[in-house]
């Protein structure tokens, strides 16, 4: 299954938009700018410590992960300290969980296997 890129997202949105009463329909550049501004605004607000909630779709917040010890795979006895850090937390909303409910475990495993094979 092919990943969705911004260009395809813009095309899909444009195909679903209806012209207004004056016959105006925004172009791909305007829709692209709106999408870009939306994600930049979310990143900016979360970066300043604000939670962003898109009702029924998802929410973005941050958490502080505690400092911990890590190991380098394949190196015996290797140990390094990982400092505490601020990380982004994504929580799916009701609509997104419903859409994900359509995907069965066996279908998801097949898709992930294909992705892994294509990245190697």
Protein backbone atom coordinates (compact mmCIF):
# COMPACT_ATOMS: atom_id res chain seq x y z
CA UNK A 1 0.00 0.00 0.00
CA UNK A 2 1.36 3.38 -1.02
CA UNK A 3 2.05 6.10 1.56
CA UNK A 4 0.15 9.37 1.25
CA UNK A 5 2.35 12.37 0.50
CA UNK A 6 1.33 16.02 0.78
CA UNK A 7 0.78 16.28 -2.98
CA UNK A 8 -1.70 13.35 -2.96
CA UNK A 9 -3.43 14.78 0.11
CA UNK A 10 -3.89 18.10 -1.70
CA UNK A 11 -5.27 16.33 -4.78
CA UNK A 12 -7.73 14.32 -2.68
CA UNK A 13 -8.96 17.42 -0.84
CA UNK A 14 -9.35 19.37 -4.10
CA UNK A 15 -11.42 16.56 -5.63
CA UNK A 16 -13.82 16.67 -2.68
CA UNK A 17 -14.20 20.47 -2.55
CA UNK A 18 -17.29 21.97 -4.12
CA UNK A 19 -17.26 25.49 -5.60
CA UNK A 20 -19.02 28.14 -3.50
CA UNK A 21 -22.09 30.10 -4.65
CA UNK A 22 -19.87 32.33 -6.85
CA UNK A 23 -18.22 29.33 -8.49
CA UNK A 24 -14.92 29.88 -6.66
CA UNK A 25 -12.85 26.82 -5.83
CA UNK A 26 -9.39 27.21 -4.22
CA UNK A 27 -6.41 25.98 -6.20
CA UNK A 28 -3.78 23.44 -5.22
CA UNK A 29 -1.34 26.12 -4.05
CA UNK A 30 -3.89 27.59 -1.63
CA UNK A 31 -4.89 24.17 -0.27
CA UNK A 32 -1.20 23.25 0.10
CA UNK A 33 -0.53 26.47 1.99
CA UNK A 34 -3.46 25.79 4.33
CA UNK A 35 -2.22 22.25 5.07
CA UNK A 36 1.33 23.53 5.63
CA UNK A 37 0.10 26.30 7.95
CA UNK A 38 -2.03 23.84 9.92
CA UNK A 39 0.86 21.51 10.66
CA UNK A 40 3.28 24.38 11.33
CA UNK A 41 0.79 25.89 13.80
CA UNK A 42 0.39 22.54 15.58
CA UNK A 43 4.18 22.11 15.82
CA UNK A 44 4.62 25.71 17.03
CA UNK A 45 1.98 25.45 19.74
CA UNK A 46 3.19 22.08 21.02
CA UNK A 47 6.74 23.46 20.96
CA UNK A 48 5.62 26.23 23.31
CA UNK A 49 4.04 23.79 25.76
CA UNK A 50 0.43 23.99 24.61
CA UNK A 51 -1.70 20.90 24.02
CA UNK A 52 -3.44 20.74 20.64
CA UNK A 53 -6.68 18.77 20.38
CA UNK A 54 -8.49 18.22 17.09
CA UNK A 55 -11.84 16.98 18.36
CA UNK A 56 -12.67 13.38 17.42
CA UNK A 57 -9.48 13.13 15.34
CA UNK A 58 -6.39 13.32 17.58
CA UNK A 59 -4.50 15.28 20.18
CA UNK A 60 -0.86 16.29 20.52
CA UNK A 61 0.82 16.92 23.82
CA UNK A 62 4.26 16.46 25.33
CA UNK A 63 5.68 14.43 28.19
CA UNK A 64 9.04 14.38 29.94
CA UNK A 65 10.74 10.98 29.72
CA UNK A 66 12.90 10.16 32.72
CA UNK A 67 16.64 9.68 32.42
CA UNK A 68 17.56 6.06 31.86
CA UNK A 69 20.35 3.69 30.92
CA UNK A 70 20.71 2.36 27.39
CA UNK A 71 22.76 -0.35 25.77
CA UNK A 72 24.44 -0.48 22.38
CA UNK A 73 23.25 -3.62 20.58
CA UNK A 74 26.02 -6.06 19.76
CA UNK A 75 28.56 -4.52 22.14
CA UNK A 76 28.95 -6.52 25.34
CA UNK A 77 29.00 -4.49 28.51
CA UNK A 78 28.20 -1.21 26.76
CA UNK A 79 26.12 1.15 28.81
CA UNK A 80 25.26 4.78 28.23
CA UNK A 81 23.20 7.31 30.09
CA UNK A 82 20.22 8.76 28.23
CA UNK A 83 19.26 12.12 29.75
CA UNK A 84 15.66 13.06 30.45
CA UNK A 85 13.99 14.57 27.41
CA UNK A 86 10.77 16.15 26.25
CA UNK A 87 8.93 14.01 23.68
CA UNK A 88 5.78 14.45 21.62
CA UNK A 89 2.79 12.34 22.53
CA UNK A 90 0.08 11.58 19.97
CA UNK A 91 -3.31 10.27 21.01
CA UNK A 92 -5.83 9.18 18.38
CA UNK A 93 -9.40 10.42 18.73
CA UNK A 94 -12.69 8.60 18.31
CA UNK A 95 -12.92 8.91 14.51
CA UNK A 96 -9.33 7.79 14.00
CA UNK A 97 -9.82 4.79 16.30
CA UNK A 98 -12.97 3.85 14.35
CA UNK A 99 -11.07 4.04 11.05
CA UNK A 100 -8.22 1.97 12.48
CA UNK A 101 -10.81 -0.58 13.62
CA UNK A 102 -11.44 -1.45 9.96
CA UNK A 103 -7.89 -2.76 9.62
CA UNK A 104 -7.54 -6.37 10.75
CA UNK A 105 -4.42 -7.67 12.45
CA UNK A 106 -3.61 -10.00 9.55
CA UNK A 107 -3.95 -7.14 7.00
CA UNK A 108 -1.75 -4.90 9.17
CA UNK A 109 0.94 -7.61 9.38
CA UNK A 110 0.92 -8.02 5.58
CA UNK A 111 1.29 -4.26 5.06
CA UNK A 112 4.11 -4.02 7.61
CA UNK A 113 5.91 -6.98 6.00
CA UNK A 114 5.75 -5.23 2.60
CA UNK A 115 7.04 -1.98 4.11
CA UNK A 116 9.94 -3.76 5.79
CA UNK A 117 10.83 -5.58 2.57
CA UNK A 118 10.80 -2.32 0.57
CA UNK A 119 13.03 -0.47 3.06
CA UNK A 120 15.77 -3.11 3.16
